[in-house]
């Protein structure tokens, strides 16, 4: 994979220039991972694949019954 150390911006004359950007901090990456995990959790809840109560999150039982592989994949979802 190729990762850029910046973003391309367009100059007034139409030319593109790479603008260097510093690396994210550990806290920023942790915050991003948390937001992504919450979004995926909400999506799985809407699809009925994940159920939550006040203290726990677990894979919905109906989804496990439909596919034998689902019981093996369930721990990776939670």
N, C-alpha and C. Protein backbone atom coordinates (compact mmCIF):
# COMPACT_ATOMS: atom_id res chain seq x y z
N UNK A 1 0.83 -1.18 0.00
CA UNK A 1 0.00 0.00 0.00
C UNK A 1 0.88 1.24 0.00
N UNK A 2 0.34 2.26 -0.56
CA UNK A 2 1.02 3.55 -0.61
C UNK A 2 0.26 4.52 0.27
N UNK A 3 0.94 5.13 1.21
CA UNK A 3 0.33 6.12 2.10
C UNK A 3 1.04 7.44 1.91
N UNK A 4 0.28 8.49 1.71
CA UNK A 4 0.86 9.81 1.55
C UNK A 4 1.06 10.46 2.91
N UNK A 5 2.07 11.29 3.01
CA UNK A 5 2.35 12.04 4.23
C UNK A 5 1.74 13.42 4.16
N UNK A 6 0.63 13.54 3.47
CA UNK A 6 0.00 14.84 3.33
C UNK A 6 -1.23 14.74 2.46
N UNK A 7 -1.68 15.89 1.99
CA UNK A 7 -2.86 15.98 1.13
C UNK A 7 -2.52 16.86 -0.07
N UNK A 8 -3.17 16.58 -1.18
CA UNK A 8 -2.98 17.42 -2.35
C UNK A 8 -3.96 18.58 -2.31
N UNK A 9 -3.44 19.75 -2.58
CA UNK A 9 -4.27 20.95 -2.66
C UNK A 9 -4.05 21.58 -4.03
N UNK A 10 -5.06 22.32 -4.47
CA UNK A 10 -4.96 22.98 -5.76
C UNK A 10 -4.54 24.43 -5.56
N UNK A 11 -3.52 24.82 -6.27
CA UNK A 11 -3.05 26.20 -6.20
C UNK A 11 -3.94 27.10 -7.05
N UNK A 12 -3.75 28.39 -6.94
CA UNK A 12 -4.54 29.37 -7.70
C UNK A 12 -4.37 29.17 -9.20
N UNK A 13 -3.16 28.72 -9.63
CA UNK A 13 -2.92 28.53 -11.07
C UNK A 13 -3.40 27.17 -11.57
N UNK A 14 -4.04 26.37 -10.70
CA UNK A 14 -4.58 25.07 -11.09
C UNK A 14 -3.64 23.90 -10.87
N UNK A 15 -2.39 24.18 -10.54
CA UNK A 15 -1.43 23.10 -10.29
C UNK A 15 -1.70 22.46 -8.93
N UNK A 16 -1.37 21.20 -8.81
CA UNK A 16 -1.53 20.49 -7.54
C UNK A 16 -0.22 20.54 -6.76
N UNK A 17 -0.34 20.66 -5.46
CA UNK A 17 0.83 20.68 -4.58
C UNK A 17 0.55 19.78 -3.39
N UNK A 18 1.55 19.02 -2.97
CA UNK A 18 1.42 18.16 -1.80
C UNK A 18 1.70 19.00 -0.55
N UNK A 19 0.75 19.03 0.34
CA UNK A 19 0.92 19.75 1.61
C UNK A 19 1.18 18.72 2.69
N UNK A 20 2.35 18.78 3.31
CA UNK A 20 2.74 17.82 4.33
C UNK A 20 1.89 17.99 5.59
N UNK A 21 1.51 16.88 6.18
CA UNK A 21 0.69 16.86 7.38
C UNK A 21 1.37 15.96 8.40
N UNK A 22 1.39 16.39 9.66
CA UNK A 22 2.04 15.57 10.69
C UNK A 22 1.20 14.33 10.97
N UNK A 23 1.85 13.31 11.48
CA UNK A 23 1.18 12.04 11.81
C UNK A 23 0.19 12.25 12.96
N UNK A 24 -0.89 11.46 12.99
CA UNK A 24 -1.85 11.58 14.09
C UNK A 24 -1.22 11.09 15.40
N UNK A 25 -1.70 11.64 16.48
CA UNK A 25 -1.20 11.21 17.80
C UNK A 25 -1.87 9.90 18.19
N UNK A 26 -1.33 9.26 19.20
CA UNK A 26 -1.91 8.03 19.70
C UNK A 26 -3.34 8.25 20.18
N UNK A 27 -3.58 9.36 20.84
CA UNK A 27 -4.92 9.69 21.31
C UNK A 27 -5.91 9.88 20.17
N UNK A 28 -5.46 10.54 19.08
CA UNK A 28 -6.32 10.72 17.92
C UNK A 28 -6.68 9.40 17.27
N UNK A 29 -5.69 8.50 17.17
CA UNK A 29 -5.96 7.18 16.59
C UNK A 29 -6.90 6.36 17.46
N UNK A 30 -6.73 6.46 18.79
CA UNK A 30 -7.62 5.75 19.71
C UNK A 30 -9.04 6.27 19.57
N UNK A 31 -9.19 7.58 19.49
CA UNK A 31 -10.52 8.20 19.33
C UNK A 31 -11.16 7.76 18.01
N UNK A 32 -10.39 7.73 16.94
CA UNK A 32 -10.90 7.30 15.64
C UNK A 32 -11.35 5.84 15.69
N UNK A 33 -10.55 4.98 16.28
CA UNK A 33 -10.91 3.56 16.39
C UNK A 33 -12.19 3.39 17.21
N UNK A 34 -12.35 4.17 18.26
CA UNK A 34 -13.55 4.10 19.09
C UNK A 34 -14.79 4.52 18.30
N UNK A 35 -14.68 5.60 17.54
CA UNK A 35 -15.81 6.07 16.73
C UNK A 35 -16.19 5.05 15.65
N UNK A 36 -15.18 4.44 15.03
CA UNK A 36 -15.46 3.42 14.01
C UNK A 36 -16.15 2.22 14.65
N UNK A 37 -15.67 1.77 15.81
CA UNK A 37 -16.27 0.62 16.50
C UNK A 37 -17.72 0.91 16.89
N UNK A 38 -18.00 2.11 17.36
CA UNK A 38 -19.38 2.48 17.73
C UNK A 38 -20.28 2.49 16.50
N UNK A 39 -19.79 3.01 15.40
CA UNK A 39 -20.58 3.03 14.17
C UNK A 39 -20.88 1.64 13.65
N UNK A 40 -19.89 0.75 13.69
CA UNK A 40 -20.11 -0.63 13.26
C UNK A 40 -21.09 -1.32 14.20
N UNK A 41 -20.99 -1.06 15.50
CA UNK A 41 -21.92 -1.63 16.46
C UNK A 41 -23.35 -1.19 16.18
N UNK A 42 -23.56 0.10 15.89
CA UNK A 42 -24.90 0.59 15.57
C UNK A 42 -25.43 -0.06 14.29
N UNK A 43 -24.57 -0.21 13.29
CA UNK A 43 -24.98 -0.85 12.04
C UNK A 43 -25.41 -2.30 12.28
N UNK A 44 -24.62 -3.04 13.05
CA UNK A 44 -24.96 -4.43 13.35
C UNK A 44 -26.24 -4.53 14.16
N UNK A 45 -26.49 -3.57 15.05
CA UNK A 45 -27.75 -3.55 15.79
C UNK A 45 -28.93 -3.33 14.86
N UNK A 46 -28.81 -2.38 13.94
CA UNK A 46 -29.91 -2.10 13.00
C UNK A 46 -30.21 -3.31 12.14
N UNK A 47 -29.19 -4.10 11.80
CA UNK A 47 -29.39 -5.28 10.98
C UNK A 47 -29.85 -6.49 11.79
N UNK A 48 -29.95 -6.32 13.11
CA UNK A 48 -30.40 -7.41 13.96
C UNK A 48 -29.35 -8.45 14.26
N UNK A 49 -28.09 -8.14 14.00
CA UNK A 49 -27.01 -9.10 14.24
C UNK A 49 -26.37 -8.93 15.60
N UNK A 50 -26.62 -7.82 16.25
CA UNK A 50 -26.00 -7.52 17.53
C UNK A 50 -27.06 -6.98 18.47
N UNK A 51 -27.05 -7.46 19.70
CA UNK A 51 -27.98 -6.97 20.72
C UNK A 51 -27.16 -6.45 21.89
N UNK A 52 -27.65 -5.39 22.50
CA UNK A 52 -26.95 -4.81 23.64
C UNK A 52 -27.91 -4.69 24.81
N UNK A 53 -27.37 -4.84 26.00
CA UNK A 53 -28.12 -4.49 27.20
C UNK A 53 -27.27 -3.48 27.95
N UNK A 54 -27.60 -3.17 29.16
CA UNK A 54 -26.90 -2.12 29.90
C UNK A 54 -25.43 -2.43 30.11
N UNK A 55 -25.07 -3.70 30.22
CA UNK A 55 -23.69 -4.05 30.56
C UNK A 55 -22.95 -4.83 29.49
N UNK A 56 -23.65 -5.49 28.58
CA UNK A 56 -23.00 -6.39 27.63
C UNK A 56 -23.46 -6.14 26.20
N UNK A 57 -22.63 -6.62 25.28
CA UNK A 57 -22.95 -6.66 23.88
C UNK A 57 -22.77 -8.11 23.44
N UNK A 58 -23.74 -8.64 22.72
CA UNK A 58 -23.62 -10.02 22.28
C UNK A 58 -24.29 -10.20 20.93
N UNK A 59 -23.90 -11.27 20.23
CA UNK A 59 -24.44 -11.55 18.91
C UNK A 59 -25.85 -12.10 19.07
N UNK A 60 -26.78 -11.63 18.23
CA UNK A 60 -28.17 -12.06 18.30
C UNK A 60 -28.29 -13.55 18.01
N UNK A 61 -29.11 -14.23 18.79
CA UNK A 61 -29.26 -15.68 18.67
C UNK A 61 -29.82 -16.13 17.34
N UNK A 62 -30.74 -15.38 16.74
CA UNK A 62 -31.33 -15.78 15.47
C UNK A 62 -30.26 -15.86 14.38
N UNK A 63 -29.33 -14.94 14.40
CA UNK A 63 -28.28 -14.93 13.38
C UNK A 63 -27.39 -16.16 13.51
N UNK A 64 -27.18 -16.64 14.72
CA UNK A 64 -26.32 -17.80 14.93
C UNK A 64 -26.99 -19.07 14.43
N UNK A 65 -28.31 -19.16 14.54
CA UNK A 65 -29.03 -20.36 14.12
C UNK A 65 -29.05 -20.51 12.60
N UNK A 66 -29.00 -19.42 11.88
CA UNK A 66 -29.12 -19.46 10.43
C UNK A 66 -27.89 -20.03 9.74
N UNK A 67 -26.73 -19.87 10.31
CA UNK A 67 -25.49 -20.27 9.64
C UNK A 67 -24.54 -20.90 10.66
N UNK A 68 -24.10 -22.13 10.43
CA UNK A 68 -23.19 -22.77 11.39
C UNK A 68 -21.87 -22.01 11.58
N UNK A 69 -21.40 -21.34 10.54
CA UNK A 69 -20.14 -20.58 10.66
C UNK A 69 -20.30 -19.35 11.53
N UNK A 70 -21.53 -18.88 11.69
CA UNK A 70 -21.77 -17.66 12.45
C UNK A 70 -21.32 -17.82 13.90
N UNK A 71 -21.49 -19.01 14.47
CA UNK A 71 -21.06 -19.20 15.86
C UNK A 71 -19.55 -19.09 16.00
N UNK A 72 -18.82 -19.39 14.92
CA UNK A 72 -17.36 -19.23 14.96
C UNK A 72 -16.96 -17.77 14.73
N UNK A 73 -17.76 -17.04 13.98
CA UNK A 73 -17.45 -15.64 13.69
C UNK A 73 -17.93 -14.69 14.77
N UNK A 74 -18.89 -15.12 15.57
CA UNK A 74 -19.50 -14.25 16.58
C UNK A 74 -18.49 -13.57 17.49
N UNK A 75 -17.49 -14.27 18.03
CA UNK A 75 -16.54 -13.58 18.91
C UNK A 75 -15.80 -12.43 18.24
N UNK A 76 -15.55 -12.53 16.93
CA UNK A 76 -14.85 -11.44 16.26
C UNK A 76 -15.74 -10.22 16.11
N UNK A 77 -17.06 -10.41 16.05
CA UNK A 77 -17.97 -9.28 15.94
C UNK A 77 -18.03 -8.51 17.25
N UNK A 78 -18.10 -9.22 18.37
CA UNK A 78 -18.20 -8.54 19.65
C UNK A 78 -16.85 -8.09 20.12
